[in-house]
Amino acid sequence: MNEDRKIKIFLVDDDALFLKSLEIEFLDNADFIVETYPTGELCLANLSNNPDVIILDYQLDGIVHGAMNGLDTLDRIKDFNVDIPVIMLSSQDKIEVAINCMHHKAFDYVVKSETAFVRLQKIITTIFKYQKMEKELNWYMDRM
């Protein structure tokens, strides 16, 4: 990842109010490019915009009847590019939901709450530290 390039985040949630407040939090707190999508279908249609991270709602079928849910969307994102880190968001604080997300290759799982944004910030920081380490490791391995 280019150091001079802004990090691009996709926010995908069918709760318009939550989506807007999350977008504002990100834009106020960091120099990110943020794209928001109310459905999984729209997120998938725009994957060619190359997001660095996708924050994806677990439910996602609130507005459009028969819309893809979060796990279907996650699977399709991973089919497109397995390396895009996806953080799942859910209003349900259930361990089985979290485990299910991990089985589908989510990077992490965050419960929608007052502290959700802080958790997301920490996870995103971890993702980029991890990617930087991986790049440095690859650089090192190439030279062995």
C-alpha atoms as a PDB file:
ATOM      1  CA  MET A   1       0.000   0.000   0.000  1.00  0.00           C
ATOM      2  CA  ASN A   2       1.290   3.428  -0.943  1.00  0.00           C
ATOM      3  CA  GLU A   3       2.137   5.595   2.042  1.00  0.00           C
ATOM      4  CA  ASP A   4       0.815   8.709   0.268  1.00  0.00           C
ATOM      5  CA  ARG A   5      -2.462   7.100  -0.701  1.00  0.00           C
ATOM      6  CA  LYS A   6      -5.512   7.570   1.482  1.00  0.00           C
ATOM      7  CA  ILE A   7      -7.095   4.498   2.999  1.00  0.00           C
ATOM      8  CA  LYS A   8     -10.436   3.709   1.375  1.00  0.00           C
ATOM      9  CA  ILE A   9     -13.188   2.248   3.503  1.00  0.00           C
ATOM     10  CA  PHE A  10     -16.500   0.810   2.346  1.00  0.00           C
ATOM     11  CA  LEU A  11     -19.317   1.032   4.895  1.00  0.00           C
ATOM     12  CA  VAL A  12     -22.197  -1.293   4.090  1.00  0.00           C
ATOM     13  CA  ASP A  13     -25.337  -1.111   6.233  1.00  0.00           C
ATOM     14  CA  ASP A  14     -29.073  -0.913   5.574  1.00  0.00           C
ATOM     15  CA  ASP A  15     -29.606   1.259   8.658  1.00  0.00           C
ATOM     16  CA  ALA A  16     -29.305   4.709   7.057  1.00  0.00           C
ATOM     17  CA  LEU A  17     -28.911   6.553  10.357  1.00  0.00           C
ATOM     18  CA  PHE A  18     -26.186   4.229  11.639  1.00  0.00           C
ATOM     19  CA  LEU A  19     -24.447   4.339   8.258  1.00  0.00           C
ATOM     20  CA  LYS A  20     -24.404   8.151   8.247  1.00  0.00           C
ATOM     21  CA  SER A  21     -23.167   8.447  11.831  1.00  0.00           C
ATOM     22  CA  LEU A  22     -20.394   5.920  11.160  1.00  0.00           C
ATOM     23  CA  GLU A  23     -19.366   7.792   8.011  1.00  0.00           C
ATOM     24  CA  ILE A  24     -19.203  11.078   9.957  1.00  0.00           C
ATOM     25  CA  GLU A  25     -17.125   9.430  12.720  1.00  0.00           C
ATOM     26  CA  PHE A  26     -14.620   8.141  10.171  1.00  0.00           C
ATOM     27  CA  LEU A  27     -14.365  11.411   8.260  1.00  0.00           C
ATOM     28  CA  ASP A  28     -14.034  13.440  11.479  1.00  0.00           C
ATOM     29  CA  ASN A  29     -11.387  11.214  13.029  1.00  0.00           C
ATOM     30  CA  ALA A  30      -9.158  10.173  10.162  1.00  0.00           C
ATOM     31  CA  ASP A  31      -8.101  11.125   6.682  1.00  0.00           C
ATOM     32  CA  PHE A  32      -9.943   8.303   4.950  1.00  0.00           C
ATOM     33  CA  ILE A  33     -11.929   8.016   1.762  1.00  0.00           C
ATOM     34  CA  VAL A  34     -15.313   6.613   2.767  1.00  0.00           C
ATOM     35  CA  GLU A  35     -17.851   5.065   0.392  1.00  0.00           C
ATOM     36  CA  THR A  36     -21.222   4.031   1.822  1.00  0.00           C
ATOM     37  CA  TYR A  37     -23.634   1.439   0.466  1.00  0.00           C
ATOM     38  CA  PRO A  38     -27.089   0.451   1.752  1.00  0.00           C
ATOM     39  CA  THR A  39     -26.995  -3.051   0.222  1.00  0.00           C
ATOM     40  CA  GLY A  40     -24.529  -5.871  -0.340  1.00  0.00           C
ATOM     41  CA  GLU A  41     -25.378  -5.794  -4.045  1.00  0.00           C
ATOM     42  CA  LEU A  42     -24.221  -2.163  -4.367  1.00  0.00           C
ATOM     43  CA  CYS A  43     -21.060  -2.909  -2.415  1.00  0.00           C
ATOM     44  CA  LEU A  44     -20.241  -5.810  -4.755  1.00  0.00           C
ATOM     45  CA  ALA A  45     -20.983  -3.692  -7.832  1.00  0.00           C
ATOM     46  CA  ASN A  46     -18.327  -1.213  -6.669  1.00  0.00           C
ATOM     47  CA  LEU A  47     -15.527  -3.551  -5.581  1.00  0.00           C
ATOM     48  CA  SER A  48     -13.489  -2.383  -8.583  1.00  0.00           C
ATOM     49  CA  ASN A  49     -13.002   0.869  -6.577  1.00  0.00           C
ATOM     50  CA  ASN A  50     -10.523  -1.213  -4.556  1.00  0.00           C
ATOM     51  CA  PRO A  51     -11.475  -0.697  -0.901  1.00  0.00           C
ATOM     52  CA  ASP A  52      -8.725  -1.284   1.671  1.00  0.00           C
ATOM     53  CA  VAL A  53     -11.247  -2.352   4.300  1.00  0.00           C
ATOM     54  CA  ILE A  54     -14.952  -3.193   4.200  1.00  0.00           C
ATOM     55  CA  ILE A  55     -17.171  -2.775   7.236  1.00  0.00           C
ATOM     56  CA  LEU A  56     -20.207  -4.926   6.605  1.00  0.00           C
ATOM     57  CA  ASP A  57     -23.511  -5.322   8.422  1.00  0.00           C
ATOM     58  CA  TYR A  58     -24.468  -8.892   9.307  1.00  0.00           C
ATOM     59  CA  GLN A  59     -28.217  -8.543   8.647  1.00  0.00           C
ATOM     60  CA  LEU A  60     -28.378  -6.256   5.586  1.00  0.00           C
ATOM     61  CA  ASP A  61     -31.833  -7.288   4.411  1.00  0.00           C
ATOM     62  CA  GLY A  62     -33.838  -4.582   6.170  1.00  0.00           C
ATOM     63  CA  ILE A  63     -34.818  -2.322   3.277  1.00  0.00           C
ATOM     64  CA  VAL A  64     -34.909  -4.369   0.119  1.00  0.00           C
ATOM     65  CA  HIS A  65     -36.971  -7.536   0.418  1.00  0.00           C
ATOM     66  CA  GLY A  66     -34.871 -10.524  -0.616  1.00  0.00           C
ATOM     67  CA  ALA A  67     -31.617  -8.538  -0.525  1.00  0.00           C
ATOM     68  CA  MET A  68     -28.377 -10.415   0.113  1.00  0.00           C
ATOM     69  CA  ASN A  69     -27.477 -10.803   3.761  1.00  0.00           C
ATOM     70  CA  GLY A  70     -24.085  -9.961   5.217  1.00  0.00           C
ATOM     71  CA  LEU A  71     -22.646 -13.485   5.018  1.00  0.00           C
ATOM     72  CA  ASP A  72     -23.633 -13.898   1.340  1.00  0.00           C
ATOM     73  CA  THR A  73     -22.037 -10.522   0.637  1.00  0.00           C
ATOM     74  CA  LEU A  74     -18.923 -11.509   2.593  1.00  0.00           C
ATOM     75  CA  ASP A  75     -18.578 -14.729   0.569  1.00  0.00           C
ATOM     76  CA  ARG A  76     -18.883 -12.803  -2.699  1.00  0.00           C
ATOM     77  CA  ILE A  77     -16.309 -10.199  -1.569  1.00  0.00           C
ATOM     78  CA  LYS A  78     -13.893 -13.045  -0.757  1.00  0.00           C
ATOM     79  CA  ASP A  79     -14.583 -14.612  -4.172  1.00  0.00           C
ATOM     80  CA  PHE A  80     -13.663 -11.283  -5.750  1.00  0.00           C
ATOM     81  CA  ASN A  81     -10.513 -10.756  -3.665  1.00  0.00           C
ATOM     82  CA  VAL A  82      -9.701 -12.898  -0.656  1.00  0.00           C
ATOM     83  CA  ASP A  83      -7.232 -10.274   0.632  1.00  0.00           C
ATOM     84  CA  ILE A  84      -9.771  -7.510   1.309  1.00  0.00           C
ATOM     85  CA  PRO A  85     -10.206  -7.410   5.095  1.00  0.00           C
ATOM     86  CA  VAL A  86     -13.879  -7.406   6.076  1.00  0.00           C
ATOM     87  CA  ILE A  87     -15.080  -6.425   9.545  1.00  0.00           C
ATOM     88  CA  MET A  88     -18.587  -7.634  10.332  1.00  0.00           C
ATOM     89  CA  LEU A  89     -20.999  -5.479  12.333  1.00  0.00           C
ATOM     90  CA  SER A  90     -24.031  -6.821  14.110  1.00  0.00           C
ATOM     91  CA  SER A  91     -26.612  -5.690  16.604  1.00  0.00           C
ATOM     92  CA  GLN A  92     -26.537  -9.228  18.010  1.00  0.00           C
ATOM     93  CA  ASP A  93     -24.033  -9.959  20.742  1.00  0.00           C
ATOM     94  CA  LYS A  94     -24.077 -13.702  20.130  1.00  0.00           C
ATOM     95  CA  ILE A  95     -20.988 -15.882  20.087  1.00  0.00           C
ATOM     96  CA  GLU A  96     -22.432 -18.120  17.338  1.00  0.00           C
ATOM     97  CA  VAL A  97     -22.890 -15.103  15.064  1.00  0.00           C
ATOM     98  CA  ALA A  98     -19.259 -14.102  15.644  1.00  0.00           C
ATOM     99  CA  ILE A  99     -18.020 -17.654  15.008  1.00  0.00           C
ATOM    100  CA  ASN A 100     -20.129 -17.872  11.854  1.00  0.00           C
ATOM    101  CA  CYS A 101     -18.535 -14.656  10.554  1.00  0.00           C
ATOM    102  CA  MET A 102     -15.051 -16.013  11.254  1.00  0.00           C
ATOM    103  CA  HIS A 103     -15.869 -19.238   9.398  1.00  0.00           C
ATOM    104  CA  HIS A 104     -16.685 -17.054   6.404  1.00  0.00           C
ATOM    105  CA  LYS A 105     -13.226 -15.414   6.643  1.00  0.00           C
ATOM    106  CA  ALA A 106     -14.213 -12.138   8.289  1.00  0.00           C
ATOM    107  CA  PHE A 107     -11.225 -10.358   9.820  1.00  0.00           C
ATOM    108  CA  ASP A 108     -13.184  -9.461  12.949  1.00  0.00           C
ATOM    109  CA  TYR A 109     -16.644  -8.975  14.412  1.00  0.00           C
ATOM    110  CA  VAL A 110     -17.985  -5.880  16.179  1.00  0.00           C
ATOM    111  CA  VAL A 111     -21.257  -5.478  18.048  1.00  0.00           C
ATOM    112  CA  LYS A 112     -23.144  -2.264  17.259  1.00  0.00           C
ATOM    113  CA  SER A 113     -22.912  -0.205  20.434  1.00  0.00           C
ATOM    114  CA  GLU A 114     -21.652   3.087  21.825  1.00  0.00           C
ATOM    115  CA  THR A 115     -18.095   1.762  21.586  1.00  0.00           C
ATOM    116  CA  ALA A 116     -18.366   0.281  18.065  1.00  0.00           C
ATOM    117  CA  PHE A 117     -16.432   3.095  16.391  1.00  0.00           C
ATOM    118  CA  VAL A 118     -13.516   2.881  18.837  1.00  0.00           C
ATOM    119  CA  ARG A 119     -13.381  -0.893  18.304  1.00  0.00           C
ATOM    120  CA  LEU A 120     -13.412  -0.393  14.519  1.00  0.00           C
ATOM    121  CA  GLN A 121     -10.566   2.127  14.745  1.00  0.00           C
ATOM    122  CA  LYS A 122      -8.448  -0.336  16.732  1.00  0.00           C
ATOM    123  CA  ILE A 123      -9.157  -3.193  14.323  1.00  0.00           C
ATOM    124  CA  ILE A 124      -8.335  -1.062  11.267  1.00  0.00           C
ATOM    125  CA  THR A 125      -5.049  -0.010  12.877  1.00  0.00           C
ATOM    126  CA  THR A 126      -4.290  -3.702  13.504  1.00  0.00           C
ATOM    127  CA  ILE A 127      -5.105  -4.582   9.886  1.00  0.00           C
ATOM    128  CA  PHE A 128      -2.628  -2.057   8.514  1.00  0.00           C
ATOM    129  CA  LYS A 129       0.103  -2.978  10.989  1.00  0.00           C
ATOM    130  CA  TYR A 130      -0.418  -6.586   9.990  1.00  0.00           C
ATOM    131  CA  GLN A 131      -0.335  -5.794   6.249  1.00  0.00           C
ATOM    132  CA  LYS A 132       2.827  -3.737   6.673  1.00  0.00           C
ATOM    133  CA  MET A 133       4.462  -6.594   8.585  1.00  0.00           C
ATOM    134  CA  GLU A 134       3.384  -9.032   5.904  1.00  0.00           C
ATOM    135  CA  LYS A 135       4.886  -6.807   3.191  1.00  0.00           C
ATOM    136  CA  GLU A 136       8.158  -6.465   5.098  1.00  0.00           C
ATOM    137  CA  LEU A 137       8.200 -10.213   5.656  1.00  0.00           C
ATOM    138  CA  ASN A 138       7.640 -10.863   1.939  1.00  0.00           C
ATOM    139  CA  TRP A 139      10.430  -8.427   1.121  1.00  0.00           C
ATOM    140  CA  TYR A 140      12.701 -10.307   3.479  1.00  0.00           C
ATOM    141  CA  MET A 141      11.657 -13.753   2.212  1.00  0.00           C
ATOM    142  CA  ASP A 142      12.287 -12.692  -1.394  1.00  0.00           C
ATOM    143  CA  ARG A 143      15.881 -11.961  -0.509  1.00  0.00           C
ATOM    144  CA  MET A 144      16.673 -15.254   1.211  1.00  0.00           C
END
